[in-house]
Amino acid sequence: MRSGRVVAALAALTVVFVGIAPAAAQANARPTIRSCADLAGIYRIAGALTHVEKGTTVEGATPAYCDVTGYVEPAVAFELKLPITTFNGRYVQYGVDGFGGAIQARPFPAPCPGPQGGNFAIGSTNDGHIGQQRPIPLADGSWAADNQAARDDWFFRAPHVVSKAAKAIIAAYYGAGPRQSYFNGCSTGGREALLLAQRYPYDFDGIIAGAPINNMSAYSGIYQAWSARVNTAPDGSSILTVEKLGLLHNAVIAACDGLDGLVDGQLDEPRDCHFDPQTLLCPTGTDRPSCLTPAQVDTIRKLYGGPVDAHGRRLYPGWAPYGSELQWNVFIVPLPFLGAPFAGILADNYLKYVGFPIGTPHSSVADVEFTVKELRKLTPEGVKGNALSLDLGRFRRAGGKLILWNGWADPNVTPIQTVDYYGRLTWFNGGLARTERFARLFVVPSVYHCGLGGEKLNTFDPFPQLVDWVESGHAPDRIIAVERNSATDPIIRSRPVFPYPLRARYDGTGSTDDAANFVPAPPLRRHDDVIRWAGTDLYFRPGPVAP
């Protein structure tokens, strides 16, 4: 970083966030009342009969913890990491990625400033099944072919019952359940986060929903399938190549970088960009590294436009944003070790095994129809796992706090659909000011899906601000995003991200790589946050429908 002001600001935030000094935190730690091994047994929790199979003390970690593994019947496996000497009443549970199917490694201590992460117990789950597809189990949907219980666990039940189990086990270990409970999820985990706020509003005090696949059926069955199909040539090959993605992205940045008032290599508002890939068209009959073929131009336009039917009606409230082109290599252009685009693999598994009621005809990426009729066929099973309710009244009245976030350069879970949901949410709750009392959205320039990198800004973590909001009442008015080569490398760039729809405006002094030199400002141009699309009447009932 080219200025020390952000370092000082982050240090101050650490003090505000934890609310207590490290020494006091240690003094306030809860002692355990039984041994780790003694946690094994059956916990008869209503609606969540729980089997703890093993409790193992892990002494080599900092801090030492009790590693608890088990399952909630019928098959929701979980893992808890319970600090032995530093727990002070906080619990954080993580959502899954993709189709779940494995208990993913999660950070321990929790990702908090300074030593405070050791204050948290953490939990995670496989969502009720074991993924078989290799090398990526989270892309496997075959477990759902004829198992409705497993489907329901993944759709909505698993994170709820694990929260009940975790709280009971924490109470057994420390003598009392958690004082505050948090949920942190992205992608499928972001969908789970919204489901918890909507259906189980008393499970968690604070919730982070990153890049939420809240419109699961239209996303998996239509948007992902569209992203794969439009990039597939008649012979099955990929129309776009990795080399052409770099060419395209550089052209987009060159054309649109300055639209936000600052030439800095990133697009702060991709919706202001209207780059036409036709400008890169190769001369007739040629295909060169420095230009695009007609088929490539057509594919790119379809990706920027999003899925539509033959009459031009939108079948999903989103599209690949300008500035996201470099991550198409992960999502849309086939990965060499998979032999297919990741969007296509996920969509194929959803359409073949998950998206339609058991016993009814299923589909695939190769033959799914991009029609309103197909969207309606996906609805009966999809609504079981969609997280589209706009009524968060019980969560709000319980004091719950929600942070939604998305990267502006995410072609996977497009930020457009997250903005669409938040636009509807603010309408339903009586306007932005009322909504921001309990729910805020942050959209981060140049960041890829779930913070898995970014061309410029590539790291964003709202968790400390969520905890501060829940425990101290400080609603986040900015969260710092940074660019760095690795977690231990120096910060290259930092920027404040303000609650949507505010943007970061350079104040004209100092380095543009220093977050301290930016102030909040209204958007330069007005955009329609609520997208008109064919599924509105399917997914936003009962209750009022946003205009």
Protein backbone atom coordinates (compact mmCIF):
# COMPACT_ATOMS: atom_id res chain seq x y z
CA MET A 1 0.00 0.00 0.00
CA ARG A 2 1.28 3.47 -0.85
CA SER A 3 -0.11 5.08 2.30
CA GLY A 4 -0.21 4.07 5.94
CA ARG A 5 -3.64 5.54 6.55
CA VAL A 6 -5.56 2.38 5.63
CA VAL A 7 -3.30 0.28 7.82
CA ALA A 8 -4.16 2.56 10.73
CA ALA A 9 -7.84 2.44 9.84
CA LEU A 10 -7.82 -1.36 9.73
CA ALA A 11 -6.05 -1.48 13.08
CA ALA A 12 -8.71 0.77 14.56
CA LEU A 13 -11.43 -1.42 13.05
CA THR A 14 -9.91 -4.41 14.79
CA VAL A 15 -10.40 -2.76 18.18
CA VAL A 16 -13.97 -1.76 17.33
CA PHE A 17 -14.81 -5.17 15.93
CA VAL A 18 -13.69 -7.30 18.84
CA GLY A 19 -15.15 -4.96 21.41
CA ILE A 20 -12.67 -6.22 24.00
CA ALA A 21 -8.91 -6.28 24.22
CA PRO A 22 -7.07 -9.60 23.64
CA ALA A 23 -6.23 -9.96 27.31
CA ALA A 24 -9.83 -9.37 28.29
CA ALA A 25 -10.98 -11.85 25.68
CA GLN A 26 -8.77 -14.50 27.23
CA ALA A 27 -10.11 -13.67 30.68
CA ASN A 28 -13.70 -13.98 29.42
CA ALA A 29 -13.11 -17.35 27.78
CA ARG A 30 -15.50 -20.08 28.85
CA PRO A 31 -13.98 -23.13 30.50
CA THR A 32 -15.01 -26.57 29.30
CA ILE A 33 -17.09 -28.72 31.63
CA ARG A 34 -16.27 -32.12 30.14
CA SER A 35 -13.55 -33.74 28.08
CA CYS A 36 -13.56 -33.61 24.30
CA ALA A 37 -13.85 -37.40 24.02
CA ASP A 38 -16.91 -37.39 26.31
CA LEU A 39 -18.92 -35.45 23.72
CA ALA A 40 -19.48 -38.66 21.74
CA GLY A 41 -23.03 -39.98 21.97
CA ILE A 42 -26.60 -39.38 20.83
CA TYR A 43 -28.24 -35.96 21.22
CA ARG A 44 -32.02 -36.18 21.05
CA ILE A 45 -32.74 -32.78 19.51
CA ALA A 46 -36.25 -32.19 18.18
CA GLY A 47 -36.16 -32.54 14.43
CA ALA A 48 -32.41 -33.11 14.44
CA LEU A 49 -31.48 -36.44 16.04
CA THR A 50 -27.71 -36.12 16.28
CA HIS A 51 -24.93 -38.67 16.54
CA VAL A 52 -21.51 -37.44 17.68
CA GLU A 53 -19.14 -40.15 16.55
CA LYS A 54 -15.90 -38.76 17.86
CA GLY A 55 -14.35 -35.88 19.78
CA THR A 56 -10.58 -35.55 19.26
CA THR A 57 -8.30 -33.07 20.99
CA VAL A 58 -5.99 -31.26 18.55
CA GLU A 59 -3.13 -29.90 20.62
CA GLY A 60 -0.83 -28.75 17.81
CA ALA A 61 -3.17 -26.02 16.57
CA THR A 62 -3.14 -22.41 17.73
CA PRO A 63 -5.34 -22.38 19.67
CA ALA A 64 -5.85 -26.03 20.59
CA TYR A 65 -9.34 -27.28 19.83
CA CYS A 66 -11.72 -30.19 20.14
CA ASP A 67 -12.50 -31.65 16.73
CA VAL A 68 -16.04 -33.05 16.75
CA THR A 69 -17.43 -35.17 13.92
CA GLY A 70 -20.83 -36.76 13.54
CA TYR A 71 -24.10 -36.58 11.65
CA VAL A 72 -27.70 -35.51 11.97
CA GLU A 73 -30.10 -38.21 10.80
CA PRO A 74 -30.47 -39.37 8.17
CA ALA A 75 -27.06 -38.41 6.75
CA VAL A 76 -26.09 -34.77 7.36
CA ALA A 77 -22.42 -35.08 8.30
CA PHE A 78 -20.80 -32.20 10.17
CA GLU A 79 -17.57 -31.12 11.79
CA LEU A 80 -17.15 -28.70 14.69
CA LYS A 81 -13.94 -27.13 15.93
CA LEU A 82 -14.35 -26.03 19.53
CA PRO A 83 -11.54 -23.98 21.13
CA ILE A 84 -10.42 -25.58 24.37
CA THR A 85 -9.24 -22.48 26.24
CA THR A 86 -10.26 -19.40 24.21
CA PHE A 87 -13.97 -19.77 23.37
CA ASN A 88 -15.99 -16.75 24.50
CA GLY A 89 -19.44 -17.53 23.15
CA ARG A 90 -19.23 -16.93 19.40
CA TYR A 91 -20.16 -19.57 16.81
CA VAL A 92 -19.76 -19.31 13.03
CA GLN A 93 -21.11 -21.87 10.57
CA TYR A 94 -20.03 -22.07 6.93
CA GLY A 95 -22.13 -22.84 3.87
CA VAL A 96 -21.22 -25.35 1.16
CA ASP A 97 -20.05 -24.84 -2.41
CA GLY A 98 -21.72 -26.34 -5.48
CA PHE A 99 -23.68 -29.49 -4.67
CA GLY A 100 -21.84 -29.99 -1.37
CA GLY A 101 -21.03 -33.64 -0.88
CA ALA A 102 -17.96 -33.17 1.32
CA ILE A 103 -17.04 -31.33 4.49
CA GLN A 104 -14.76 -28.63 3.16
CA ALA A 105 -11.69 -27.39 5.00
CA ARG A 106 -12.60 -24.11 6.71
CA PRO A 107 -10.29 -21.57 8.32
CA PHE A 108 -9.52 -22.08 11.98
CA PRO A 109 -9.15 -19.80 13.83
CA ALA A 110 -12.03 -17.86 12.32
CA PRO A 111 -11.03 -15.09 9.87
CA CYS A 112 -10.99 -12.21 12.33
CA PRO A 113 -8.46 -9.45 13.02
CA GLY A 114 -5.62 -10.25 15.39
CA PRO A 115 -5.93 -13.18 17.78
CA GLN A 116 -9.69 -12.96 18.12
CA GLY A 117 -10.49 -15.75 15.67
CA GLY A 118 -9.70 -18.26 18.38
CA ASN A 119 -12.73 -17.01 20.29
CA PHE A 120 -15.07 -18.69 17.78
CA ALA A 121 -16.34 -22.22 17.54
CA ILE A 122 -16.78 -23.10 13.88
CA GLY A 123 -18.96 -25.61 12.06
CA SER A 124 -19.41 -27.03 8.56
CA THR A 125 -21.38 -29.79 6.84
CA ASN A 126 -21.57 -31.90 3.68
CA ASP A 127 -25.29 -31.02 3.30
CA GLY A 128 -26.47 -34.60 3.68
CA HIS A 129 -24.71 -36.67 1.02
CA ILE A 130 -21.31 -37.74 -0.35
CA GLY A 131 -20.30 -36.48 -3.78
CA GLN A 132 -18.83 -39.10 -6.08
CA GLN A 133 -17.69 -37.17 -9.15
CA ARG A 134 -13.94 -36.79 -9.46
CA PRO A 135 -11.91 -34.68 -9.35
CA ILE A 136 -14.59 -32.30 -7.99
CA PRO A 137 -17.18 -33.93 -5.69
CA LEU A 138 -19.04 -30.63 -5.32
CA ALA A 139 -20.01 -30.90 -9.02
CA ASP A 140 -21.80 -34.24 -8.55
CA GLY A 141 -25.59 -34.35 -8.47
CA SER A 142 -26.13 -38.08 -9.00
CA TRP A 143 -26.91 -38.63 -5.30
CA ALA A 144 -30.22 -36.79 -5.87
CA ALA A 145 -31.55 -39.01 -8.67
CA ASP A 146 -34.00 -40.96 -6.50
CA ASN A 147 -33.48 -39.66 -2.96
CA GLN A 148 -35.91 -36.92 -1.94
CA ALA A 149 -34.60 -36.81 1.63
CA ALA A 150 -31.09 -36.05 0.34
CA ARG A 151 -32.53 -33.42 -1.99
CA ASP A 152 -34.39 -31.73 0.86
CA ASP A 153 -31.28 -31.73 3.01
CA TRP A 154 -29.39 -29.90 0.25
CA PHE A 155 -32.35 -27.69 -0.66
CA PHE A 156 -33.00 -26.29 2.80
CA ARG A 157 -32.68 -28.62 5.83
CA ALA A 158 -28.98 -29.31 6.37
CA PRO A 159 -27.68 -25.91 7.55
CA HIS A 160 -30.65 -25.56 9.91
CA VAL A 161 -30.29 -28.92 11.63
CA VAL A 162 -26.51 -28.55 11.90
CA SER A 163 -27.02 -25.23 13.66
CA LYS A 164 -29.30 -26.96 16.17
CA ALA A 165 -26.82 -29.79 16.67
CA ALA A 166 -23.87 -27.44 17.02
CA LYS A 167 -25.57 -25.35 19.67
CA ALA A 168 -26.48 -28.43 21.69
CA ILE A 169 -22.92 -29.79 21.50
CA ILE A 170 -21.46 -26.39 22.42
CA ALA A 171 -23.76 -26.30 25.44
CA ALA A 172 -22.65 -29.79 26.43
CA TYR A 173 -18.96 -28.84 26.16
CA TYR A 174 -18.99 -25.38 27.76
CA GLY A 175 -22.13 -25.46 29.90
CA ALA A 176 -24.06 -22.98 27.75
CA GLY A 177 -24.85 -22.47 24.10
CA PRO A 178 -23.32 -19.70 21.97
CA ARG A 179 -23.95 -16.09 22.87
CA GLN A 180 -23.91 -15.03 19.21
CA SER A 181 -24.23 -17.20 16.12
CA TYR A 182 -23.12 -16.31 12.61
CA PHE A 183 -23.48 -17.88 9.18
CA ASN A 184 -21.04 -17.22 6.34
CA GLY A 185 -21.74 -18.64 2.89
CA CYS A 186 -21.06 -17.90 -0.76
CA SER A 187 -22.58 -19.27 -3.97
CA THR A 188 -24.67 -22.28 -2.82
CA GLY A 189 -23.64 -21.22 0.67
CA GLY A 190 -25.02 -17.76 -0.12
CA ARG A 191 -28.33 -19.39 -1.07
CA GLU A 192 -28.28 -21.23 2.24
CA ALA A 193 -27.57 -17.94 4.00
CA LEU A 194 -30.69 -16.32 2.56
CA LEU A 195 -32.76 -19.44 3.23
CA LEU A 196 -31.78 -19.28 6.89
CA ALA A 197 -32.82 -15.63 7.14
CA GLN A 198 -36.10 -16.38 5.37
CA ARG A 199 -37.13 -19.78 6.77
CA TYR A 200 -35.17 -20.15 10.02
CA PRO A 201 -34.87 -16.54 11.21
CA TYR A 202 -33.88 -17.41 14.78
CA ASP A 203 -30.91 -19.67 13.97
CA PHE A 204 -28.33 -16.93 13.43
CA ASP A 205 -27.82 -13.38 14.67
CA GLY A 206 -25.71 -12.34 11.69
CA ILE A 207 -25.62 -13.74 8.16
CA ILE A 208 -23.34 -13.20 5.15
CA ALA A 209 -24.81 -14.14 1.77
CA GLY A 210 -22.09 -13.90 -0.86
CA ALA A 211 -22.98 -14.31 -4.55
CA PRO A 212 -26.14 -16.17 -3.52
CA ILE A 213 -27.68 -18.69 -5.95
CA ASN A 214 -31.03 -17.73 -4.50
CA ASN A 215 -32.82 -18.43 -7.77
CA MET A 216 -31.50 -21.99 -7.86
CA SER A 217 -33.80 -23.49 -10.49
CA ALA A 218 -33.53 -20.74 -13.11
CA TYR A 219 -29.82 -20.31 -12.42
CA SER A 220 -28.81 -23.98 -12.62
CA GLY A 221 -31.32 -25.10 -15.22
CA ILE A 222 -31.27 -22.06 -17.51
CA TYR A 223 -28.41 -19.60 -16.91
CA GLN A 224 -25.61 -22.12 -16.48
CA ALA A 225 -26.89 -24.26 -19.34
CA TRP A 226 -27.12 -21.19 -21.59
CA SER A 227 -23.55 -20.15 -20.70
CA ALA A 228 -22.29 -23.59 -21.76
CA ARG A 229 -24.50 -24.06 -24.84
CA VAL A 230 -23.85 -20.71 -26.53
CA ASN A 231 -20.10 -21.41 -26.39
CA THR A 232 -20.40 -24.89 -27.92
CA ALA A 233 -19.81 -25.33 -31.66
CA PRO A 234 -21.77 -27.93 -33.69
CA ASP A 235 -18.81 -30.32 -33.40
CA GLY A 236 -18.82 -29.98 -29.61
CA SER A 237 -15.72 -27.80 -29.38
CA SER A 238 -15.43 -24.52 -27.51
CA ILE A 239 -16.07 -21.45 -29.68
CA LEU A 240 -14.07 -19.16 -27.40
CA THR A 241 -10.45 -19.80 -26.49
CA VAL A 242 -8.41 -18.65 -23.53
CA GLU A 243 -6.29 -16.43 -25.78
CA LYS A 244 -9.33 -14.60 -27.10
CA LEU A 245 -10.56 -13.88 -23.55
CA GLY A 246 -7.51 -11.74 -22.85
CA LEU A 247 -7.96 -9.90 -26.14
CA LEU A 248 -11.63 -9.24 -25.34
CA HIS A 249 -11.03 -8.16 -21.76
CA ASN A 250 -8.31 -5.70 -22.71
CA ALA A 251 -10.59 -4.17 -25.32
CA VAL A 252 -13.43 -3.82 -22.80
CA ILE A 253 -11.19 -2.12 -20.25
CA ALA A 254 -9.75 0.21 -22.89
CA ALA A 255 -13.24 1.21 -24.01
CA CYS A 256 -14.97 1.55 -20.63
CA ASP A 257 -12.37 2.07 -17.89
CA GLY A 258 -12.83 5.84 -17.70
CA LEU A 259 -16.63 5.82 -17.56
CA ASP A 260 -16.56 5.85 -13.75
CA GLY A 261 -14.40 8.97 -13.75
CA LEU A 262 -11.09 7.24 -13.09
CA VAL A 263 -8.74 5.35 -15.41
CA ASP A 264 -7.46 2.65 -13.05
CA GLY A 265 -7.80 -0.69 -14.86
CA GLN A 266 -11.14 -1.68 -13.29
CA LEU A 267 -14.82 -1.14 -14.00
CA ASP A 268 -16.66 0.21 -10.98
CA GLU A 269 -20.05 0.00 -12.75
CA PRO A 270 -20.07 -2.53 -15.62
CA ARG A 271 -23.66 -1.65 -16.52
CA ASP A 272 -22.40 1.70 -17.87
CA CYS A 273 -20.27 -0.16 -20.43
CA HIS A 274 -21.67 -0.83 -23.92
CA PHE A 275 -18.70 -2.34 -25.71
CA ASP A 276 -19.52 -4.09 -29.00
CA PRO A 277 -17.31 -7.13 -29.72
CA GLN A 278 -17.98 -6.54 -33.42
CA THR A 279 -15.15 -3.99 -33.28
CA LEU A 280 -12.73 -6.92 -32.90
CA LEU A 281 -14.09 -8.89 -35.87
CA CYS A 282 -11.44 -10.54 -38.03
CA PRO A 283 -11.26 -9.80 -41.77
CA THR A 284 -13.40 -12.20 -43.79
CA GLY A 285 -12.08 -15.75 -43.88
CA THR A 286 -9.37 -15.32 -41.25
CA ASP A 287 -8.87 -16.29 -37.63
CA ARG A 288 -6.03 -14.52 -35.95
CA PRO A 289 -4.94 -14.14 -32.30
CA SER A 290 -5.62 -10.42 -32.57
CA CYS A 291 -9.28 -10.62 -33.63
CA LEU A 292 -12.57 -12.50 -33.22
CA THR A 293 -14.39 -14.81 -35.61
CA PRO A 294 -18.08 -14.17 -36.41
CA ALA A 295 -19.03 -17.17 -34.23
CA GLN A 296 -17.02 -15.74 -31.34
CA VAL A 297 -18.65 -12.34 -31.70
CA ASP A 298 -22.09 -13.99 -31.65
CA THR A 299 -21.24 -16.05 -28.55
CA ILE A 300 -19.90 -13.03 -26.69
CA ARG A 301 -23.01 -11.02 -27.43
CA LYS A 302 -25.19 -13.84 -26.11
CA LEU A 303 -23.13 -14.08 -22.91
CA TYR A 304 -23.39 -10.33 -22.33
CA GLY A 305 -27.11 -10.47 -23.09
CA GLY A 306 -28.11 -13.41 -20.88
CA PRO A 307 -30.58 -16.22 -21.63
CA VAL A 308 -33.66 -15.33 -23.65
CA ASP A 309 -36.29 -17.30 -25.54
CA ALA A 310 -37.02 -17.08 -29.25
CA HIS A 311 -39.18 -14.00 -28.62
CA GLY A 312 -36.49 -12.15 -26.67
CA ARG A 313 -38.08 -12.68 -23.25
CA ARG A 314 -35.54 -12.94 -20.44
CA LEU A 315 -35.41 -16.36 -18.78
CA TYR A 316 -33.10 -15.29 -15.95
CA PRO A 317 -32.47 -11.94 -14.24
CA GLY A 318 -28.80 -11.63 -15.13
CA TRP A 319 -25.97 -11.90 -17.62
CA ALA A 320 -22.17 -12.00 -17.75
CA PRO A 321 -21.01 -8.48 -16.80
CA TYR A 322 -18.45 -6.50 -18.76
CA GLY A 323 -15.07 -6.87 -17.08
CA SER A 324 -15.64 -10.53 -16.13
CA GLU A 325 -14.09 -11.97 -19.31
CA LEU A 326 -10.91 -13.35 -17.75
CA GLN A 327 -12.93 -15.63 -15.47
CA TRP A 328 -14.85 -17.09 -18.38
CA ASN A 329 -11.85 -19.41 -18.55
CA VAL A 330 -13.03 -21.07 -15.37
CA PHE A 331 -16.75 -20.92 -15.97
CA ILE A 332 -17.47 -20.98 -19.71
CA VAL A 333 -14.35 -22.10 -21.61
CA PRO A 334 -13.59 -25.80 -20.91
CA LEU A 335 -10.93 -26.53 -18.35
CA PRO A 336 -8.31 -28.96 -19.73
CA PHE A 337 -8.46 -31.35 -16.77
CA LEU A 338 -12.28 -31.48 -16.88
CA GLY A 339 -12.82 -31.50 -20.63
CA ALA A 340 -15.95 -29.36 -20.28
CA PRO A 341 -16.90 -25.89 -19.00
CA PHE A 342 -17.63 -25.86 -15.28
CA ALA A 343 -20.98 -24.19 -15.93
CA GLY A 344 -21.89 -27.08 -18.21
CA ILE A 345 -20.88 -29.73 -15.69
CA LEU A 346 -22.94 -28.16 -12.93
CA ALA A 347 -25.93 -27.53 -15.19
CA ASP A 348 -25.83 -31.06 -16.59
CA ASN A 349 -25.84 -32.58 -13.10
CA TYR A 350 -28.69 -30.33 -12.04
CA LEU A 351 -30.82 -31.07 -15.08
CA LYS A 352 -30.15 -34.83 -15.06
CA TYR A 353 -30.55 -35.52 -11.34
CA VAL A 354 -31.94 -32.59 -9.32
CA GLY A 355 -34.02 -30.07 -11.23
CA PHE A 356 -37.21 -32.04 -11.89
CA PRO A 357 -39.41 -34.05 -9.50
CA ILE A 358 -38.34 -37.65 -8.98
CA GLY A 359 -40.10 -39.95 -11.44
CA THR A 360 -40.63 -37.25 -14.07
CA PRO A 361 -38.61 -36.75 -17.29
CA HIS A 362 -35.31 -35.01 -16.78
CA SER A 363 -33.11 -33.09 -19.19
CA SER A 364 -29.48 -32.15 -19.92
CA VAL A 365 -27.42 -29.26 -21.23
CA ALA A 366 -27.55 -30.81 -24.69
CA ASP A 367 -31.34 -30.84 -24.96
CA VAL A 368 -32.72 -28.31 -22.46
CA GLU A 369 -35.03 -25.82 -24.15
CA PHE A 370 -34.67 -22.11 -23.53
CA THR A 371 -38.36 -21.40 -23.25
CA VAL A 372 -40.82 -20.15 -20.66
CA LYS A 373 -42.36 -23.62 -20.73
CA GLU A 374 -39.03 -25.16 -19.65
CA LEU A 375 -38.67 -22.55 -16.92
CA ARG A 376 -42.07 -23.56 -15.59
CA LYS A 377 -41.12 -27.24 -15.67
CA LEU A 378 -38.15 -26.44 -13.43
CA THR A 379 -40.31 -24.63 -10.90
CA PRO A 380 -42.01 -27.41 -8.84
CA GLU A 381 -38.75 -28.84 -7.52
CA GLY A 382 -36.84 -25.59 -7.66
CA VAL A 383 -39.09 -23.68 -5.29
CA LYS A 384 -38.14 -26.13 -2.54
CA GLY A 385 -34.61 -24.74 -2.54
CA ASN A 386 -34.98 -21.25 -3.96
CA ALA A 387 -34.31 -18.42 -1.52
CA LEU A 388 -36.40 -15.65 -3.04
CA SER A 389 -38.74 -14.64 -0.24
CA LEU A 390 -38.80 -10.88 0.32
CA ASP A 391 -40.36 -11.13 3.78
CA LEU A 392 -37.51 -11.07 6.31
CA GLY A 393 -39.73 -9.57 8.99
CA ARG A 394 -39.10 -12.24 11.62
CA PHE A 395 -35.33 -12.07 11.06
CA ARG A 396 -35.41 -8.28 11.33
CA ARG A 397 -37.58 -8.26 14.45
CA ALA A 398 -35.25 -10.80 16.07
CA GLY A 399 -32.41 -8.31 15.63
CA GLY A 400 -30.79 -10.22 12.77
CA LYS A 401 -28.29 -8.51 10.48
CA LEU A 402 -27.65 -9.49 6.84
CA ILE A 403 -24.78 -8.58 4.54
CA LEU A 404 -25.18 -9.50 0.88
CA TRP A 405 -22.22 -9.13 -1.45
CA ASN A 406 -21.13 -9.96 -4.99
CA GLY A 407 -18.17 -9.25 -7.24
CA TRP A 408 -18.89 -6.99 -10.21
CA ALA A 409 -16.63 -9.27 -12.32
CA ASP A 410 -18.42 -12.50 -11.43
CA PRO A 411 -19.71 -14.28 -14.56
CA ASN A 412 -20.78 -17.31 -12.51
CA VAL A 413 -23.35 -15.93 -10.08
CA THR A 414 -23.83 -12.67 -11.91
CA PRO A 415 -24.08 -9.58 -9.68
CA ILE A 416 -27.12 -8.49 -11.68
CA GLN A 417 -29.30 -11.15 -10.03
CA THR A 418 -28.08 -10.14 -6.56
CA VAL A 419 -28.85 -6.49 -7.28
CA ASP A 420 -32.24 -7.60 -8.60
CA TYR A 421 -33.03 -9.42 -5.36
CA TYR A 422 -31.88 -6.49 -3.23
CA GLY A 423 -33.93 -4.09 -5.34
CA ARG A 424 -37.03 -6.18 -4.71
CA LEU A 425 -36.14 -6.52 -1.02
CA THR A 426 -35.84 -2.76 -0.55
CA TRP A 427 -39.15 -2.22 -2.33
CA PHE A 428 -40.90 -4.83 -0.18
CA ASN A 429 -39.47 -3.38 3.05
CA GLY A 430 -40.48 0.20 2.39
CA GLY A 431 -37.38 1.67 0.83
CA LEU A 432 -33.60 1.68 1.11
CA ALA A 433 -33.35 3.49 4.46
CA ARG A 434 -35.61 0.98 6.23
CA THR A 435 -33.92 -2.00 4.58
CA GLU A 436 -30.43 -0.83 5.49
CA ARG A 437 -31.33 -1.03 9.17
CA PHE A 438 -30.94 -4.81 8.91
CA ALA A 439 -29.73 -5.70 5.38
CA ARG A 440 -26.99 -4.12 3.24
CA LEU A 441 -25.55 -4.99 -0.15
CA PHE A 442 -21.91 -4.51 -1.21
CA VAL A 443 -20.89 -5.00 -4.86
CA VAL A 444 -17.12 -5.14 -5.29
CA PRO A 445 -15.41 -3.89 -8.47
CA SER A 446 -13.22 -6.38 -10.42
CA VAL A 447 -13.70 -9.24 -7.93
CA TYR A 448 -14.47 -12.72 -9.30
CA HIS A 449 -16.87 -15.36 -8.00
CA CYS A 450 -16.82 -15.63 -4.19
CA GLY A 451 -13.58 -13.65 -4.04
CA LEU A 452 -11.65 -16.29 -6.00
CA GLY A 453 -9.33 -13.60 -7.28
CA GLY A 454 -9.85 -10.59 -9.48
CA GLU A 455 -7.81 -8.67 -12.00
CA LYS A 456 -7.34 -5.69 -9.68
CA LEU A 457 -9.19 -5.88 -6.35
CA ASN A 458 -9.20 -9.55 -5.42
CA THR A 459 -9.84 -9.84 -1.67
CA PHE A 460 -13.00 -8.91 0.20
CA ASP A 461 -14.13 -10.13 3.62
CA PRO A 462 -17.16 -8.56 5.31
CA PHE A 463 -17.12 -10.91 8.31
CA PRO A 464 -15.50 -8.54 10.85
CA GLN A 465 -18.00 -5.81 9.99
CA LEU A 466 -20.90 -8.24 10.40
CA VAL A 467 -19.75 -9.14 13.89
CA ASP A 468 -19.32 -5.48 14.79
CA TRP A 469 -22.82 -4.74 13.48
CA VAL A 470 -24.40 -7.54 15.52
CA GLU A 471 -22.48 -6.98 18.74
CA SER A 472 -21.92 -3.21 18.77
CA GLY A 473 -24.69 -1.89 16.55
CA HIS A 474 -22.27 -0.29 14.09
CA ALA A 475 -23.86 -0.72 10.67
CA PRO A 476 -21.10 -1.04 8.05
CA ASP A 477 -20.83 2.17 6.02
CA ARG A 478 -17.75 0.93 4.12
CA ILE A 479 -15.77 -2.29 3.78
CA ILE A 480 -12.23 -2.25 2.45
CA ALA A 481 -11.39 -4.44 -0.56
CA VAL A 482 -7.75 -4.96 -1.48
CA GLU A 483 -5.47 -6.23 -4.22
CA ARG A 484 -2.59 -8.43 -3.14
CA ASN A 485 -0.69 -11.33 -4.66
CA SER A 486 -1.20 -13.56 -1.61
CA ALA A 487 -2.53 -13.29 1.93
CA THR A 488 0.98 -12.61 3.26
CA ASP A 489 2.11 -10.19 0.52
CA PRO A 490 1.89 -6.40 0.81
CA ILE A 491 -1.32 -4.69 -0.27
CA ILE A 492 -1.05 -3.30 -3.80
CA ARG A 493 -4.36 -1.48 -3.93
CA SER A 494 -7.14 -0.80 -1.45
CA ARG A 495 -10.58 0.64 -2.07
CA PRO A 496 -13.61 1.28 0.10
CA VAL A 497 -16.79 -0.47 -0.98
CA PHE A 498 -19.83 1.45 0.16
CA PRO A 499 -23.34 0.09 0.68
CA TYR A 500 -25.14 -0.22 -2.65
CA PRO A 501 -26.03 1.92 -4.52
CA LEU A 502 -23.26 4.25 -3.33
CA ARG A 503 -19.97 4.21 -5.23
CA ALA A 504 -16.40 5.13 -4.30
CA ARG A 505 -15.34 8.51 -5.73
CA TYR A 506 -11.70 9.63 -5.81
CA ASP A 507 -11.33 12.84 -3.79
CA GLY A 508 -8.54 14.12 -6.00
CA THR A 509 -5.69 13.85 -3.51
CA GLY A 510 -3.04 11.20 -2.98
CA SER A 511 -2.72 7.77 -4.53
CA THR A 512 -5.64 6.13 -6.31
CA ASP A 513 -4.40 2.84 -4.80
CA ASP A 514 -5.20 4.06 -1.27
CA ALA A 515 -8.71 3.59 0.11
CA ALA A 516 -8.31 6.67 2.31
CA ASN A 517 -8.53 8.89 -0.78
CA PHE A 518 -12.06 7.88 -1.72
CA VAL A 519 -15.43 9.12 -0.49
CA PRO A 520 -18.98 7.81 -0.94
CA ALA A 521 -20.97 9.23 -3.83
CA PRO A 522 -24.27 8.51 -5.56
CA PRO A 523 -24.19 6.52 -8.82
CA LEU A 524 -23.26 8.45 -11.94
CA ARG A 525 -26.18 6.99 -13.85
CA ARG A 526 -29.50 5.45 -12.87
CA HIS A 527 -30.03 1.76 -13.57
CA ASP A 528 -33.16 -0.36 -13.24
CA ASP A 529 -32.18 -2.67 -10.41
CA VAL A 530 -35.31 -4.80 -10.72
CA ILE A 531 -35.07 -6.91 -13.87
CA ARG A 532 -38.15 -7.69 -15.93
CA TRP A 533 -38.05 -11.40 -16.74
CA ALA A 534 -40.33 -14.34 -17.40
CA GLY A 535 -40.00 -15.93 -13.97
CA THR A 536 -41.19 -13.03 -11.84
CA ASP A 537 -44.72 -14.39 -11.51
CA LEU A 538 -43.38 -17.89 -10.77
CA TYR A 539 -40.93 -17.10 -8.00
CA PHE A 540 -42.12 -14.00 -6.17
CA ARG A 541 -45.49 -15.28 -4.97
CA PRO A 542 -47.30 -15.35 -2.61
CA GLY A 543 -47.25 -11.71 -1.62
CA PRO A 544 -46.77 -8.50 -3.54
CA VAL A 545 -44.62 -8.52 -6.65
CA ALA A 546 -42.10 -5.72 -7.04
CA PRO A 547 -42.71 -3.45 -10.02
